[in-house]
């Protein structure tokens, strides 16, 4: 899969300058994550269930 063709988006908590953020792209199989400052670097992907666990953990923090 060519990840440059994915619909990447940032968190609504992202600063107006758009720096120091991660972007995610959702596919049927996985959640792809990349650094918004280094979009040419390869992103990593996690399963949807693992992403749900991460989001739940982050919400508790």
PDB file of N, CA and C in Angstrom:
ATOM      1  N   UNK A   1       0.847  -1.189   0.000  1.00  0.00           N
ATOM      2  CA  UNK A   1       0.000   0.000   0.000  1.00  0.00           C
ATOM      3  C   UNK A   1       0.884   1.242   0.000  1.00  0.00           C
ATOM      4  N   UNK A   2       0.545   2.181  -0.845  1.00  0.00           N
ATOM      5  CA  UNK A   2       1.254   3.462  -0.886  1.00  0.00           C
ATOM      6  C   UNK A   2       0.611   4.383   0.146  1.00  0.00           C
ATOM      7  N   UNK A   3       1.303   4.602   1.249  1.00  0.00           N
ATOM      8  CA  UNK A   3       0.703   5.374   2.348  1.00  0.00           C
ATOM      9  C   UNK A   3       0.564   6.853   2.026  1.00  0.00           C
ATOM     10  N   UNK A   4       1.220   7.342   0.983  1.00  0.00           N
ATOM     11  CA  UNK A   4       1.048   8.755   0.617  1.00  0.00           C
ATOM     12  C   UNK A   4      -0.350   9.018   0.072  1.00  0.00           C
ATOM     13  N   UNK A   5      -1.050   7.975  -0.324  1.00  0.00           N
ATOM     14  CA  UNK A   5      -2.400   8.118  -0.859  1.00  0.00           C
ATOM     15  C   UNK A   5      -3.478   8.055   0.217  1.00  0.00           C
ATOM     16  N   UNK A   6      -3.083   7.815   1.462  1.00  0.00           N
ATOM     17  CA  UNK A   6      -4.055   7.724   2.551  1.00  0.00           C
ATOM     18  C   UNK A   6      -4.564   9.106   2.939  1.00  0.00           C
ATOM     19  N   UNK A   7      -5.712   9.144   3.578  1.00  0.00           N
ATOM     20  CA  UNK A   7      -6.285  10.396   4.071  1.00  0.00           C
ATOM     21  C   UNK A   7      -5.757  10.705   5.460  1.00  0.00           C
ATOM     22  N   UNK A   8      -4.636  11.396   5.536  1.00  0.00           N
ATOM     23  CA  UNK A   8      -3.989  11.718   6.808  1.00  0.00           C
ATOM     24  C   UNK A   8      -4.680  12.897   7.485  1.00  0.00           C
ATOM     25  N   UNK A   9      -4.777  12.838   8.824  1.00  0.00           N
ATOM     26  CA  UNK A   9      -5.314  13.978   9.567  1.00  0.00           C
ATOM     27  C   UNK A   9      -4.654  14.077  10.927  1.00  0.00           C
ATOM     28  N   UNK A  10      -4.716  15.284  11.492  1.00  0.00           N
ATOM     29  CA  UNK A  10      -4.132  15.568  12.804  1.00  0.00           C
ATOM     30  C   UNK A  10      -5.233  15.656  13.846  1.00  0.00           C
ATOM     31  N   UNK A  11      -4.845  15.581  15.073  1.00  0.00           N
ATOM     32  CA  UNK A  11      -5.763  15.731  16.186  1.00  0.00           C
ATOM     33  C   UNK A  11      -6.366  17.135  16.204  1.00  0.00           C
ATOM     34  N   UNK A  12      -7.564  17.225  16.710  1.00  0.00           N
ATOM     35  CA  UNK A  12      -8.188  18.541  16.878  1.00  0.00           C
ATOM     36  C   UNK A  12      -7.455  19.352  17.954  1.00  0.00           C
ATOM     37  N   UNK A  13      -6.608  18.701  18.748  1.00  0.00           N
ATOM     38  CA  UNK A  13      -5.811  19.391  19.760  1.00  0.00           C
ATOM     39  C   UNK A  13      -4.506  19.931  19.189  1.00  0.00           C
ATOM     40  N   UNK A  14      -4.261  19.715  17.906  1.00  0.00           N
ATOM     41  CA  UNK A  14      -3.042  20.168  17.250  1.00  0.00           C
ATOM     42  C   UNK A  14      -2.967  21.688  17.285  1.00  0.00           C
ATOM     43  N   UNK A  15      -1.743  22.207  17.411  1.00  0.00           N
ATOM     44  CA  UNK A  15      -1.579  23.662  17.442  1.00  0.00           C
ATOM     45  C   UNK A  15      -1.841  24.271  16.078  1.00  0.00           C
ATOM     46  N   UNK A  16      -2.105  25.556  16.046  1.00  0.00           N
ATOM     47  CA  UNK A  16      -2.378  26.268  14.795  1.00  0.00           C
ATOM     48  C   UNK A  16      -1.162  26.275  13.876  1.00  0.00           C
ATOM     49  N   UNK A  17       0.039  26.196  14.451  1.00  0.00           N
ATOM     50  CA  UNK A  17       1.252  26.189  13.635  1.00  0.00           C
ATOM     51  C   UNK A  17       1.410  24.868  12.889  1.00  0.00           C
ATOM     52  N   UNK A  18       0.780  23.815  13.381  1.00  0.00           N
ATOM     53  CA  UNK A  18       0.836  22.520  12.719  1.00  0.00           C
ATOM     54  C   UNK A  18       2.118  21.753  12.942  1.00  0.00           C
ATOM     55  N   UNK A  19       2.924  22.162  13.916  1.00  0.00           N
ATOM     56  CA  UNK A  19       4.163  21.449  14.160  1.00  0.00           C
ATOM     57  C   UNK A  19       4.040  20.543  15.381  1.00  0.00           C
ATOM     58  N   UNK A  20       5.019  19.674  15.538  1.00  0.00           N
ATOM     59  CA  UNK A  20       5.085  18.780  16.698  1.00  0.00           C
ATOM     60  C   UNK A  20       3.821  17.955  16.888  1.00  0.00           C
ATOM     61  N   UNK A  21       3.347  17.370  15.829  1.00  0.00           N
ATOM     62  CA  UNK A  21       2.130  16.565  15.909  1.00  0.00           C
ATOM     63  C   UNK A  21       2.333  15.227  15.218  1.00  0.00           C
ATOM     64  N   UNK A  22       1.472  14.324  15.531  1.00  0.00           N
ATOM     65  CA  UNK A  22       1.392  13.094  14.753  1.00  0.00           C
ATOM     66  C   UNK A  22       0.141  13.177  13.899  1.00  0.00           C
ATOM     67  N   UNK A  23       0.169  12.465  12.798  1.00  0.00           N
ATOM     68  CA  UNK A  23      -0.989  12.356  11.929  1.00  0.00           C
ATOM     69  C   UNK A  23      -1.359  10.884  11.863  1.00  0.00           C
ATOM     70  N   UNK A  24      -2.630  10.618  11.682  1.00  0.00           N
ATOM     71  CA  UNK A  24      -3.066   9.236  11.521  1.00  0.00           C
ATOM     72  C   UNK A  24      -3.898   9.111  10.247  1.00  0.00           C
ATOM     73  N   UNK A  25      -3.925   7.902   9.745  1.00  0.00           N
ATOM     74  CA  UNK A  25      -4.775   7.551   8.614  1.00  0.00           C
ATOM     75  C   UNK A  25      -5.404   6.202   8.949  1.00  0.00           C
ATOM     76  N   UNK A  26      -6.684   6.109   8.761  1.00  0.00           N
ATOM     77  CA  UNK A  26      -7.426   4.905   9.132  1.00  0.00           C
ATOM     78  C   UNK A  26      -7.741   4.100   7.880  1.00  0.00           C
ATOM     79  N   UNK A  27      -7.410   2.814   7.929  1.00  0.00           N
ATOM     80  CA  UNK A  27      -7.814   1.888   6.877  1.00  0.00           C
ATOM     81  C   UNK A  27      -8.604   0.768   7.523  1.00  0.00           C
ATOM     82  N   UNK A  28      -9.130  -0.087   6.720  1.00  0.00           N
ATOM     83  CA  UNK A  28      -9.916  -1.199   7.255  1.00  0.00           C
ATOM     84  C   UNK A  28      -9.060  -2.134   8.112  1.00  0.00           C
ATOM     85  N   UNK A  29      -7.797  -2.268   7.747  1.00  0.00           N
ATOM     86  CA  UNK A  29      -6.916  -3.207   8.442  1.00  0.00           C
ATOM     87  C   UNK A  29      -6.140  -2.594   9.605  1.00  0.00           C
ATOM     88  N   UNK A  30      -5.827  -1.289   9.551  1.00  0.00           N
ATOM     89  CA  UNK A  30      -4.901  -0.736  10.535  1.00  0.00           C
ATOM     90  C   UNK A  30      -5.066   0.766  10.684  1.00  0.00           C
ATOM     91  N   UNK A  31      -4.403   1.281  11.715  1.00  0.00           N
ATOM     92  CA  UNK A  31      -4.253   2.717  11.926  1.00  0.00           C
ATOM     93  C   UNK A  31      -2.789   3.034  11.626  1.00  0.00           C
ATOM     94  N   UNK A  32      -2.557   3.924  10.685  1.00  0.00           N
ATOM     95  CA  UNK A  32      -1.208   4.315  10.289  1.00  0.00           C
ATOM     96  C   UNK A  32      -0.861   5.609  11.006  1.00  0.00           C
ATOM     97  N   UNK A  33       0.357   5.708  11.509  1.00  0.00           N
ATOM     98  CA  UNK A  33       0.783   6.854  12.300  1.00  0.00           C
ATOM     99  C   UNK A  33       2.088   7.394  11.717  1.00  0.00           C
ATOM    100  N   UNK A  34       2.174   8.731  11.580  1.00  0.00           N
ATOM    101  CA  UNK A  34       3.412   9.352  11.102  1.00  0.00           C
ATOM    102  C   UNK A  34       3.639  10.677  11.802  1.00  0.00           C
ATOM    103  N   UNK A  35       4.880  11.137  11.736  1.00  0.00           N
ATOM    104  CA  UNK A  35       5.294  12.426  12.292  1.00  0.00           C
ATOM    105  C   UNK A  35       4.940  13.505  11.272  1.00  0.00           C
ATOM    106  N   UNK A  36       4.204  14.514  11.670  1.00  0.00           N
ATOM    107  CA  UNK A  36       3.770  15.556  10.739  1.00  0.00           C
ATOM    108  C   UNK A  36       4.931  16.393  10.212  1.00  0.00           C
ATOM    109  N   UNK A  37       6.058  16.407  10.931  1.00  0.00           N
ATOM    110  CA  UNK A  37       7.218  17.171  10.472  1.00  0.00           C
ATOM    111  C   UNK A  37       8.066  16.389   9.487  1.00  0.00           C
ATOM    112  N   UNK A  38       7.923  15.075   9.459  1.00  0.00           N
ATOM    113  CA  UNK A  38       8.761  14.201   8.632  1.00  0.00           C
ATOM    114  C   UNK A  38       7.887  13.253   7.808  1.00  0.00           C
ATOM    115  N   UNK A  39       7.029  13.801   6.987  1.00  0.00           N
ATOM    116  CA  UNK A  39       6.051  12.982   6.260  1.00  0.00           C
ATOM    117  C   UNK A  39       6.695  12.068   5.217  1.00  0.00           C
ATOM    118  N   UNK A  40       7.947  12.280   4.870  1.00  0.00           N
ATOM    119  CA  UNK A  40       8.607  11.395   3.918  1.00  0.00           C
ATOM    120  C   UNK A  40       9.173  10.147   4.593  1.00  0.00           C
ATOM    121  N   UNK A  41       9.265  10.164   5.915  1.00  0.00           N
ATOM    122  CA  UNK A  41       9.721   8.975   6.644  1.00  0.00           C
ATOM    123  C   UNK A  41       8.594   7.956   6.681  1.00  0.00           C
ATOM    124  N   UNK A  42       8.938   6.687   6.720  1.00  0.00           N
ATOM    125  CA  UNK A  42       7.897   5.654   6.730  1.00  0.00           C
ATOM    126  C   UNK A  42       7.036   5.732   7.994  1.00  0.00           C
ATOM    127  N   UNK A  43       5.732   5.642   7.843  1.00  0.00           N
ATOM    128  CA  UNK A  43       4.860   5.579   9.021  1.00  0.00           C
ATOM    129  C   UNK A  43       4.882   4.171   9.605  1.00  0.00           C
ATOM    130  N   UNK A  44       4.303   4.027  10.777  1.00  0.00           N
ATOM    131  CA  UNK A  44       4.111   2.677  11.308  1.00  0.00           C
ATOM    132  C   UNK A  44       2.617   2.435  11.412  1.00  0.00           C
ATOM    133  N   UNK A  45       2.247   1.189  11.534  1.00  0.00           N
ATOM    134  CA  UNK A  45       0.831   0.834  11.592  1.00  0.00           C
ATOM    135  C   UNK A  45       0.585  -0.082  12.778  1.00  0.00           C
ATOM    136  N   UNK A  46      -0.581   0.068  13.378  1.00  0.00           N
ATOM    137  CA  UNK A  46      -1.018  -0.813  14.458  1.00  0.00           C
ATOM    138  C   UNK A  46      -2.419  -1.290  14.127  1.00  0.00           C
ATOM    139  N   UNK A  47      -2.771  -2.425  14.677  1.00  0.00           N
ATOM    140  CA  UNK A  47      -4.112  -2.956  14.482  1.00  0.00           C
ATOM    141  C   UNK A  47      -5.164  -2.069  15.133  1.00  0.00           C
ATOM    142  N   UNK A  48      -6.375  -2.198  14.664  1.00  0.00           N
ATOM    143  CA  UNK A  48      -7.456  -1.364  15.193  1.00  0.00           C
ATOM    144  C   UNK A  48      -7.704  -1.632  16.679  1.00  0.00           C
ATOM    145  N   UNK A  49      -7.611  -2.881  17.094  1.00  0.00           N
ATOM    146  CA  UNK A  49      -7.828  -3.212  18.509  1.00  0.00           C
ATOM    147  C   UNK A  49      -6.726  -2.621  19.381  1.00  0.00           C
ATOM    148  N   UNK A  50      -5.473  -2.715  18.918  1.00  0.00           N
ATOM    149  CA  UNK A  50      -4.362  -2.138  19.671  1.00  0.00           C
ATOM    150  C   UNK A  50      -4.502  -0.625  19.759  1.00  0.00           C
ATOM    151  N   UNK A  51      -4.960   0.011  18.684  1.00  0.00           N
ATOM    152  CA  UNK A  51      -5.172   1.461  18.694  1.00  0.00           C
ATOM    153  C   UNK A  51      -6.248   1.830  19.715  1.00  0.00           C
ATOM    154  N   UNK A  52      -7.308   1.057  19.768  1.00  0.00           N
ATOM    155  CA  UNK A  52      -8.383   1.320  20.733  1.00  0.00           C
ATOM    156  C   UNK A  52      -7.856   1.237  22.167  1.00  0.00           C
ATOM    157  N   UNK A  53      -6.985   0.274  22.442  1.00  0.00           N
ATOM    158  CA  UNK A  53      -6.386   0.163  23.776  1.00  0.00           C
ATOM    159  C   UNK A  53      -5.511   1.379  24.079  1.00  0.00           C
ATOM    160  N   UNK A  54      -4.727   1.799  23.094  1.00  0.00           N
ATOM    161  CA  UNK A  54      -3.874   2.971  23.278  1.00  0.00           C
ATOM    162  C   UNK A  54      -4.706   4.223  23.570  1.00  0.00           C
ATOM    163  N   UNK A  55      -5.749   4.454  22.809  1.00  0.00           N
ATOM    164  CA  UNK A  55      -6.599   5.649  22.993  1.00  0.00           C
ATOM    165  C   UNK A  55      -7.260   5.599  24.373  1.00  0.00           C
ATOM    166  N   UNK A  56      -7.737   4.437  24.782  1.00  0.00           N
ATOM    167  CA  UNK A  56      -8.355   4.321  26.108  1.00  0.00           C
ATOM    168  C   UNK A  56      -7.339   4.624  27.205  1.00  0.00           C
ATOM    169  N   UNK A  57      -6.118   4.118  27.061  1.00  0.00           N
ATOM    170  CA  UNK A  57      -5.063   4.388  28.032  1.00  0.00           C
ATOM    171  C   UNK A  57      -4.729   5.878  28.067  1.00  0.00           C
ATOM    172  N   UNK A  58      -4.597   6.508  26.903  1.00  0.00           N
ATOM    173  CA  UNK A  58      -4.257   7.925  26.841  1.00  0.00           C
ATOM    174  C   UNK A  58      -5.363   8.784  27.445  1.00  0.00           C
ATOM    175  N   UNK A  59      -6.593   8.382  27.288  1.00  0.00           N
ATOM    176  CA  UNK A  59      -7.716   9.140  27.837  1.00  0.00           C
ATOM    177  C   UNK A  59      -7.704   9.136  29.362  1.00  0.00           C
ATOM    178  N   UNK A  60      -7.142   8.097  29.950  1.00  0.00           N
ATOM    179  CA  UNK A  60      -7.071   8.003  31.412  1.00  0.00           C
ATOM    180  C   UNK A  60      -5.950   8.867  31.988  1.00  0.00           C
ATOM    181  N   UNK A  61      -4.976   9.185  31.183  1.00  0.00           N
ATOM    182  CA  UNK A  61      -3.791   9.907  31.670  1.00  0.00           C
ATOM    183  C   UNK A  61      -4.091  11.358  31.947  1.00  0.00           C
TER     184      UNK A  61
END
